[in-house]
N, C-alpha and C. Protein backbone atom coordinates (compact mmCIF):
# COMPACT_ATOMS: atom_id res chain seq x y z
N MET A 1 -128.56 -30.88 30.52
CA MET A 1 -127.62 -31.35 29.97
C MET A 1 -126.95 -30.94 28.76
N LYS A 2 -127.87 -30.16 27.76
CA LYS A 2 -127.03 -29.64 26.59
C LYS A 2 -125.95 -28.61 27.02
N GLN A 3 -126.70 -27.51 28.13
CA GLN A 3 -125.86 -26.59 28.50
C GLN A 3 -124.55 -26.89 29.27
N SER A 4 -124.75 -28.01 29.93
CA SER A 4 -123.38 -28.70 30.55
C SER A 4 -122.41 -29.22 29.45
N SER A 5 -123.01 -29.51 28.27
CA SER A 5 -122.09 -30.21 27.44
C SER A 5 -121.29 -28.80 26.43
N ILE A 6 -122.14 -27.96 26.48
CA ILE A 6 -121.68 -26.81 25.69
C ILE A 6 -120.67 -26.23 26.54
N LEU A 7 -120.59 -25.90 27.79
CA LEU A 7 -119.97 -25.50 28.71
C LEU A 7 -118.51 -26.41 28.77
N LYS A 8 -118.89 -27.73 28.69
CA LYS A 8 -117.44 -28.33 28.80
C LYS A 8 -116.84 -28.48 27.47
N THR A 9 -117.41 -28.16 26.29
CA THR A 9 -116.87 -28.03 25.18
C THR A 9 -116.24 -26.85 24.99
N GLY A 10 -116.82 -25.64 25.43
CA GLY A 10 -115.97 -24.23 25.60
C GLY A 10 -114.78 -24.24 26.43
N PHE A 11 -115.10 -24.92 27.57
CA PHE A 11 -113.72 -25.12 28.29
C PHE A 11 -112.54 -25.75 27.79
N ALA A 12 -112.72 -26.87 27.08
CA ALA A 12 -111.87 -27.54 26.21
C ALA A 12 -111.17 -26.73 25.57
N LEU A 13 -112.19 -25.89 24.45
CA LEU A 13 -111.44 -25.07 23.51
C LEU A 13 -110.72 -23.77 23.89
N LEU A 14 -111.09 -23.57 25.11
CA LEU A 14 -110.33 -22.26 25.81
C LEU A 14 -109.04 -23.02 26.57
N SER A 15 -108.95 -23.98 27.06
CA SER A 15 -107.56 -24.85 27.25
C SER A 15 -106.78 -24.99 26.20
N ILE A 16 -107.17 -25.34 25.18
CA ILE A 16 -106.30 -25.61 23.95
C ILE A 16 -105.85 -24.33 23.45
N VAL A 17 -106.37 -23.48 23.31
CA VAL A 17 -105.83 -22.09 22.98
C VAL A 17 -104.88 -21.36 23.76
N LEU A 18 -105.15 -21.57 25.22
CA LEU A 18 -104.06 -21.12 26.34
C LEU A 18 -102.98 -21.99 26.17
N ILE A 19 -103.00 -23.05 25.93
CA ILE A 19 -101.97 -24.28 25.74
C ILE A 19 -100.91 -23.67 24.69
N PHE A 20 -101.61 -23.29 23.30
CA PHE A 20 -100.98 -22.85 22.37
C PHE A 20 -100.38 -21.69 22.61
N ALA A 21 -100.92 -20.80 23.19
CA ALA A 21 -100.63 -19.22 23.50
C ALA A 21 -99.29 -19.46 24.21
N SER A 22 -99.25 -20.32 25.34
CA SER A 22 -98.20 -20.71 26.40
C SER A 22 -96.94 -21.34 25.63
N CYS A 23 -97.25 -22.04 24.59
CA CYS A 23 -96.10 -22.75 23.84
C CYS A 23 -95.36 -21.52 22.77
N LYS A 24 -96.16 -20.78 22.56
CA LYS A 24 -95.71 -19.77 21.31
C LYS A 24 -94.83 -18.95 22.25
N ALA A 25 -95.25 -18.29 23.54
CA ALA A 25 -94.29 -17.40 24.37
C ALA A 25 -93.28 -18.34 24.71
N GLN A 26 -92.98 -19.70 25.09
CA GLN A 26 -92.08 -20.03 25.77
C GLN A 26 -90.93 -20.39 24.38
N GLN A 27 -91.27 -20.34 23.11
CA GLN A 27 -90.43 -20.67 21.92
C GLN A 27 -89.41 -19.47 21.63
N GLN A 28 -89.93 -18.15 22.10
CA GLN A 28 -89.14 -16.96 21.96
C GLN A 28 -87.83 -17.02 22.11
N GLY A 29 -87.92 -17.50 23.58
CA GLY A 29 -86.53 -17.72 24.38
C GLY A 29 -86.02 -19.24 24.54
N LYS A 30 -86.56 -20.14 23.56
CA LYS A 30 -86.25 -21.53 23.55
C LYS A 30 -84.87 -21.68 22.91
N MET A 31 -84.01 -22.63 23.93
CA MET A 31 -82.59 -23.32 23.39
C MET A 31 -82.87 -23.81 22.06
N THR A 32 -82.12 -23.70 21.09
CA THR A 32 -82.07 -24.72 20.03
C THR A 32 -80.56 -25.14 19.95
N SER A 33 -80.50 -26.21 18.86
CA SER A 33 -79.13 -26.78 18.64
C SER A 33 -79.27 -27.06 17.37
N GLU A 34 -80.44 -26.27 16.68
CA GLU A 34 -80.62 -26.67 15.11
C GLU A 34 -80.17 -25.53 14.11
N LYS A 35 -79.96 -24.35 14.72
CA LYS A 35 -79.38 -23.28 14.11
C LYS A 35 -78.81 -22.28 14.73
N LEU A 36 -77.98 -21.36 14.54
CA LEU A 36 -77.32 -20.29 15.31
C LEU A 36 -78.32 -19.19 15.18
N VAL A 37 -78.60 -18.47 16.20
CA VAL A 37 -79.33 -17.46 16.44
C VAL A 37 -78.56 -16.08 16.06
N ALA A 38 -78.80 -15.31 15.47
CA ALA A 38 -78.12 -13.86 15.27
C ALA A 38 -78.01 -13.30 16.62
N GLN A 39 -76.79 -12.76 17.01
CA GLN A 39 -76.83 -12.26 17.95
C GLN A 39 -75.39 -11.58 18.46
N ASP A 40 -75.22 -10.42 19.39
CA ASP A 40 -74.21 -9.82 19.95
C ASP A 40 -73.89 -10.60 21.20
N TYR A 41 -72.89 -11.21 21.50
CA TYR A 41 -72.87 -11.85 23.09
C TYR A 41 -71.43 -11.47 23.63
N VAL A 42 -71.50 -11.51 25.00
CA VAL A 42 -70.11 -11.18 25.75
C VAL A 42 -69.90 -12.37 26.34
N ILE A 43 -68.61 -13.22 26.19
CA ILE A 43 -68.21 -14.30 26.65
C ILE A 43 -68.02 -14.19 28.17
N THR A 44 -68.99 -15.08 28.86
CA THR A 44 -68.54 -15.21 30.49
C THR A 44 -67.93 -16.60 31.03
N GLN A 45 -67.41 -17.29 29.97
CA GLN A 45 -66.70 -18.30 30.56
C GLN A 45 -66.35 -19.26 29.41
N LEU A 46 -64.83 -19.78 29.67
CA LEU A 46 -63.94 -20.68 29.17
C LEU A 46 -63.75 -21.93 29.84
N GLY A 47 -64.54 -22.90 29.56
CA GLY A 47 -64.12 -24.44 29.95
C GLY A 47 -64.91 -23.70 31.74
N GLU A 48 -64.19 -24.14 32.41
CA GLU A 48 -64.42 -23.68 33.89
C GLU A 48 -64.13 -22.44 34.59
N LYS A 49 -63.63 -21.80 33.89
CA LYS A 49 -63.29 -20.36 34.31
C LYS A 49 -64.02 -19.21 33.76
N GLU A 50 -64.40 -18.51 34.80
CA GLU A 50 -65.18 -17.42 34.95
C GLU A 50 -64.53 -16.24 34.48
N ILE A 51 -65.27 -15.54 33.32
CA ILE A 51 -64.31 -14.43 32.74
C ILE A 51 -65.23 -13.32 32.26
N ALA A 52 -66.33 -13.12 33.07
CA ALA A 52 -67.18 -12.26 32.54
C ALA A 52 -66.87 -10.69 32.62
N ASP A 53 -65.75 -10.18 33.28
CA ASP A 53 -65.01 -8.85 33.52
C ASP A 53 -64.12 -9.10 32.34
N SER A 54 -64.10 -9.68 31.39
CA SER A 54 -62.98 -9.82 30.56
C SER A 54 -62.99 -9.06 29.05
N LYS A 55 -64.33 -8.65 28.67
CA LYS A 55 -64.40 -8.09 27.68
C LYS A 55 -64.51 -8.80 26.31
N LEU A 56 -64.35 -10.10 26.45
CA LEU A 56 -64.34 -10.88 25.05
C LEU A 56 -65.56 -11.09 24.76
N THR A 57 -65.74 -10.89 23.11
CA THR A 57 -67.17 -10.87 22.45
C THR A 57 -67.12 -12.03 21.59
N LEU A 58 -68.45 -12.08 21.29
CA LEU A 58 -68.89 -13.07 20.20
C LEU A 58 -69.78 -12.72 19.32
N LYS A 59 -70.06 -12.75 18.36
CA LYS A 59 -71.02 -12.03 17.43
C LYS A 59 -71.59 -13.20 16.54
N VAL A 60 -72.64 -13.69 16.35
CA VAL A 60 -73.14 -15.01 15.43
C VAL A 60 -73.85 -14.19 14.50
N ASN A 61 -73.40 -14.37 12.91
CA ASN A 61 -73.84 -13.93 11.96
C ASN A 61 -74.30 -15.17 11.04
N PRO A 62 -75.43 -15.77 11.30
CA PRO A 62 -75.91 -16.95 10.29
C PRO A 62 -76.24 -16.69 8.83
N GLU A 63 -76.44 -15.16 8.44
CA GLU A 63 -76.52 -15.10 7.17
C GLU A 63 -75.26 -15.17 6.19
N ASN A 64 -74.01 -14.97 6.94
CA ASN A 64 -72.97 -15.20 6.14
C ASN A 64 -71.95 -16.22 6.60
N SER A 65 -72.56 -17.12 7.76
CA SER A 65 -72.09 -18.46 8.38
C SER A 65 -70.88 -17.92 9.15
N THR A 66 -70.83 -16.88 10.08
CA THR A 66 -69.63 -16.29 10.38
C THR A 66 -69.75 -16.09 12.19
N ILE A 67 -68.77 -16.51 12.90
CA ILE A 67 -68.57 -16.11 14.18
C ILE A 67 -67.54 -15.22 14.52
N SER A 68 -67.53 -13.92 14.92
CA SER A 68 -66.46 -13.23 15.07
C SER A 68 -66.75 -12.28 16.50
N GLY A 69 -65.53 -11.76 16.84
CA GLY A 69 -65.55 -11.05 17.92
C GLY A 69 -63.91 -10.46 18.29
N TYR A 70 -63.95 -10.20 19.46
CA TYR A 70 -62.89 -9.73 20.50
C TYR A 70 -62.34 -10.93 21.51
N SER A 71 -60.97 -11.34 21.24
CA SER A 71 -60.51 -12.32 21.91
C SER A 71 -59.57 -12.12 22.97
N GLY A 72 -59.78 -10.59 23.24
CA GLY A 72 -58.91 -10.41 24.56
C GLY A 72 -57.69 -9.33 24.29
N CYS A 73 -56.98 -9.58 23.08
CA CYS A 73 -56.13 -8.85 22.26
C CYS A 73 -56.44 -8.50 20.91
N ASN A 74 -56.98 -9.50 20.41
CA ASN A 74 -57.23 -9.29 18.72
C ASN A 74 -58.50 -9.46 18.41
N ASN A 75 -58.80 -8.96 17.31
CA ASN A 75 -59.98 -9.55 16.49
C ASN A 75 -60.33 -10.78 15.88
N TYR A 76 -61.15 -11.31 16.02
CA TYR A 76 -60.91 -12.83 15.15
C TYR A 76 -62.36 -13.05 14.33
N ASN A 77 -62.22 -13.92 13.62
CA ASN A 77 -63.22 -14.40 12.72
C ASN A 77 -63.21 -15.99 12.35
N PHE A 78 -64.50 -16.63 12.50
CA PHE A 78 -64.63 -18.08 12.07
C PHE A 78 -65.75 -18.06 10.89
N SER A 79 -65.55 -18.73 9.81
CA SER A 79 -66.21 -19.12 8.89
C SER A 79 -66.80 -20.36 9.05
N TYR A 80 -68.11 -20.69 9.83
CA TYR A 80 -68.33 -21.86 10.30
C TYR A 80 -69.36 -22.77 9.31
N LYS A 81 -69.17 -23.83 9.40
CA LYS A 81 -70.10 -25.07 8.60
C LYS A 81 -70.90 -25.56 9.58
N LEU A 82 -72.46 -25.76 9.31
CA LEU A 82 -73.30 -26.44 10.50
C LEU A 82 -73.77 -27.46 9.41
N LYS A 83 -73.88 -28.76 9.62
CA LYS A 83 -74.27 -30.06 9.27
C LYS A 83 -74.89 -30.97 10.16
N ASP A 84 -76.11 -31.48 10.09
CA ASP A 84 -76.52 -32.51 10.62
C ASP A 84 -76.36 -32.43 12.09
N GLY A 85 -76.34 -31.13 12.64
CA GLY A 85 -76.13 -30.85 14.01
C GLY A 85 -74.72 -30.41 14.64
N VAL A 86 -73.85 -30.75 13.45
CA VAL A 86 -72.58 -30.54 13.91
C VAL A 86 -71.71 -29.43 13.55
N LEU A 87 -71.29 -28.67 14.56
CA LEU A 87 -70.58 -27.39 14.28
C LEU A 87 -69.40 -27.30 14.01
N ASP A 88 -68.73 -26.72 13.08
CA ASP A 88 -67.26 -26.83 12.27
C ASP A 88 -67.01 -25.14 12.42
N LEU A 89 -66.11 -24.82 13.22
CA LEU A 89 -65.67 -23.45 13.15
C LEU A 89 -64.69 -23.04 12.04
N GLY A 90 -64.19 -24.47 11.63
CA GLY A 90 -63.00 -24.19 10.93
C GLY A 90 -61.48 -23.54 11.76
N PHE A 91 -61.06 -22.87 10.58
CA PHE A 91 -59.48 -22.07 11.23
C PHE A 91 -60.25 -20.90 11.58
N ALA A 92 -59.49 -20.07 12.61
CA ALA A 92 -59.93 -18.71 12.81
C ALA A 92 -58.96 -17.76 11.87
N SER A 93 -59.28 -16.59 11.55
CA SER A 93 -58.49 -15.74 11.25
C SER A 93 -58.62 -14.42 12.39
N ALA A 94 -57.28 -13.93 12.60
CA ALA A 94 -57.32 -12.97 13.64
C ALA A 94 -56.43 -12.08 13.40
N THR A 95 -56.42 -10.72 13.83
CA THR A 95 -55.16 -9.77 13.91
C THR A 95 -54.20 -10.47 14.55
N LYS A 96 -52.96 -9.84 14.82
CA LYS A 96 -51.70 -10.46 15.13
C LYS A 96 -50.86 -9.50 16.01
N MET A 97 -51.53 -8.89 16.75
CA MET A 97 -51.09 -7.87 17.95
C MET A 97 -50.55 -8.82 18.97
N TYR A 98 -49.74 -8.11 19.83
CA TYR A 98 -49.31 -9.04 21.18
C TYR A 98 -49.66 -8.13 22.24
N CYS A 99 -50.27 -8.70 23.12
CA CYS A 99 -50.79 -7.84 24.39
C CYS A 99 -50.28 -8.59 25.53
N ASP A 100 -49.06 -8.34 26.33
CA ASP A 100 -48.53 -9.13 27.54
C ASP A 100 -49.21 -9.73 28.46
N ASP A 101 -50.28 -8.72 28.86
CA ASP A 101 -51.09 -9.41 29.99
C ASP A 101 -52.54 -10.14 29.66
N LYS A 102 -52.78 -10.10 28.41
CA LYS A 102 -53.75 -10.98 27.89
C LYS A 102 -53.81 -11.88 26.94
N MET A 103 -52.46 -12.37 26.77
CA MET A 103 -52.43 -13.50 25.85
C MET A 103 -52.83 -14.72 26.25
N ASP A 104 -52.74 -14.97 27.60
CA ASP A 104 -53.23 -16.29 28.15
C ASP A 104 -54.42 -16.74 28.03
N LEU A 105 -55.36 -15.54 28.28
CA LEU A 105 -56.66 -15.82 27.95
C LEU A 105 -56.92 -15.97 26.58
N GLU A 106 -56.33 -15.24 25.77
CA GLU A 106 -56.52 -15.38 24.18
C GLU A 106 -56.44 -16.67 23.75
N ASN A 107 -55.16 -17.23 24.28
CA ASN A 107 -54.88 -18.65 23.81
C ASN A 107 -55.71 -19.74 24.50
N LEU A 108 -56.29 -19.47 25.45
CA LEU A 108 -57.22 -20.53 26.11
C LEU A 108 -58.62 -20.16 25.25
N PHE A 109 -58.97 -19.06 24.89
CA PHE A 109 -60.22 -18.98 23.91
C PHE A 109 -60.04 -19.83 22.66
N PHE A 110 -58.78 -19.61 21.78
CA PHE A 110 -58.81 -20.31 21.00
C PHE A 110 -58.64 -21.90 21.19
N GLN A 111 -58.17 -22.17 22.19
CA GLN A 111 -58.21 -23.73 22.56
C GLN A 111 -59.47 -24.29 22.74
N LYS A 112 -59.95 -23.63 23.36
CA LYS A 112 -61.60 -23.95 23.57
C LYS A 112 -62.36 -23.96 22.40
N ALA A 113 -62.05 -23.00 21.46
CA ALA A 113 -62.84 -22.81 20.28
C ALA A 113 -62.25 -24.00 19.21
N ALA A 114 -61.19 -24.61 19.17
CA ALA A 114 -60.96 -25.52 18.47
C ALA A 114 -61.42 -26.82 18.75
N SER A 115 -62.20 -27.02 19.89
CA SER A 115 -62.62 -28.10 20.26
C SER A 115 -64.38 -28.14 19.98
N VAL A 116 -64.58 -27.05 19.63
CA VAL A 116 -66.10 -26.87 19.64
C VAL A 116 -66.48 -28.01 18.51
N THR A 117 -67.80 -28.38 18.77
CA THR A 117 -68.31 -29.41 17.62
C THR A 117 -69.78 -29.25 17.99
N GLN A 118 -70.53 -28.63 19.17
CA GLN A 118 -71.90 -28.66 19.58
C GLN A 118 -72.32 -27.15 19.68
N PHE A 119 -73.52 -27.07 19.80
CA PHE A 119 -74.10 -25.78 20.54
C PHE A 119 -75.41 -25.89 20.96
N ASN A 120 -75.79 -25.03 21.77
CA ASN A 120 -77.26 -24.61 22.24
C ASN A 120 -77.17 -23.04 22.24
N ASN A 121 -78.17 -22.69 21.79
CA ASN A 121 -78.57 -21.07 21.68
C ASN A 121 -79.75 -20.75 21.76
N SER A 122 -80.05 -19.36 22.12
CA SER A 122 -81.06 -18.59 22.12
C SER A 122 -80.75 -17.14 22.08
N SER A 123 -81.76 -16.23 22.06
CA SER A 123 -81.21 -14.74 21.68
C SER A 123 -80.48 -14.31 22.98
N GLU A 124 -80.67 -15.00 24.01
CA GLU A 124 -80.05 -14.51 25.22
C GLU A 124 -78.87 -15.31 25.61
N VAL A 125 -78.55 -16.42 25.21
CA VAL A 125 -77.26 -17.26 25.64
C VAL A 125 -76.93 -18.36 24.66
N ILE A 126 -75.34 -18.56 24.42
CA ILE A 126 -75.19 -19.62 23.54
C ILE A 126 -74.17 -20.48 24.31
N TYR A 127 -74.16 -21.43 24.16
CA TYR A 127 -73.20 -22.71 24.66
C TYR A 127 -72.41 -23.27 23.49
N LEU A 128 -71.30 -23.31 23.63
CA LEU A 128 -70.25 -23.70 22.46
C LEU A 128 -69.65 -25.10 23.23
N LYS A 129 -69.95 -26.32 22.64
CA LYS A 129 -69.61 -27.58 23.31
C LYS A 129 -68.66 -28.76 22.57
N SER A 130 -68.43 -29.33 23.52
CA SER A 130 -67.42 -30.54 22.92
C SER A 130 -68.27 -31.51 22.56
N LYS A 131 -67.58 -32.56 21.64
CA LYS A 131 -68.45 -33.48 21.24
C LYS A 131 -68.73 -34.46 22.10
N GLU A 132 -68.30 -34.12 23.49
CA GLU A 132 -68.90 -35.28 24.76
C GLU A 132 -69.93 -34.07 25.29
N GLY A 133 -70.28 -33.02 24.80
CA GLY A 133 -71.41 -32.25 25.33
C GLY A 133 -70.98 -31.11 26.51
N ASN A 134 -69.52 -31.36 27.06
CA ASN A 134 -69.07 -30.11 27.89
C ASN A 134 -69.03 -28.91 27.22
N VAL A 135 -69.34 -28.01 28.18
CA VAL A 135 -69.65 -26.47 27.85
C VAL A 135 -67.94 -25.97 27.53
N LEU A 136 -67.24 -25.73 26.61
CA LEU A 136 -66.40 -24.97 26.23
C LEU A 136 -66.38 -23.46 26.37
N ILE A 137 -67.31 -22.73 25.67
CA ILE A 137 -67.64 -21.39 25.83
C ILE A 137 -68.96 -21.23 25.99
N LYS A 138 -69.02 -20.18 27.04
CA LYS A 138 -70.48 -19.79 27.41
C LYS A 138 -70.40 -18.20 27.10
N ALA A 139 -71.65 -17.51 26.30
CA ALA A 139 -71.85 -16.23 26.30
C ALA A 139 -73.10 -15.88 26.41
N GLU A 140 -73.18 -14.67 27.05
CA GLU A 140 -74.51 -13.98 27.25
C GLU A 140 -74.89 -12.90 26.49
N LYS A 141 -75.94 -12.46 26.07
CA LYS A 141 -76.40 -11.63 25.28
C LYS A 141 -75.87 -10.21 25.81
N LYS A 142 -75.21 -9.52 24.72
CA LYS A 142 -74.40 -8.08 25.26
C LYS A 142 -75.44 -7.29 25.41
N LYS A 143 -75.43 -6.72 26.92
CA LYS A 143 -76.53 -5.78 27.16
C LYS A 143 -76.19 -4.26 26.77
N GLU A 144 -77.43 -3.64 26.31
CA GLU A 144 -77.52 -2.57 25.59
C GLU A 144 -76.76 -1.39 26.55
N LYS A 145 -76.25 -0.46 26.36
CA LYS A 145 -75.45 0.58 27.03
C LYS A 145 -76.70 1.73 27.27
N SER A 146 -76.81 1.88 28.67
CA SER A 146 -77.94 2.82 29.02
C SER A 146 -77.33 4.34 29.17
N GLU A 147 -78.12 5.22 28.09
CA GLU A 147 -77.43 6.50 28.04
C GLU A 147 -78.00 7.43 29.29
């Protein structure tokens, strides 16, 4: 009887340890909408439009509260504010070059960015969303170049 009780207790403790270890492993890639994750991303989607080959970039720097990158023709920068789960990108500053074949895509990017108020992110992906929760901008972790 005592041996059975010890075995049950040992099994229960082992189960608890495994559950906590599993939760810890899942948290490393966990999506969050509480804070922005520092990462370099490649923008793969603007609204419904897939743009994975466009080379638009997005870099999140929570230390300086900035989001910056390349928007198809120009480099841009947002100084964001995050309060009570609401993301305010504010106004963008950008270089002022004109690229005949890329301006439509760049204008779409800035149009989508102007409506961002929410986000979900991890170290692998970021979704910038409208107040209704629609995905406006999706970006995936920039892959390291293999040499």
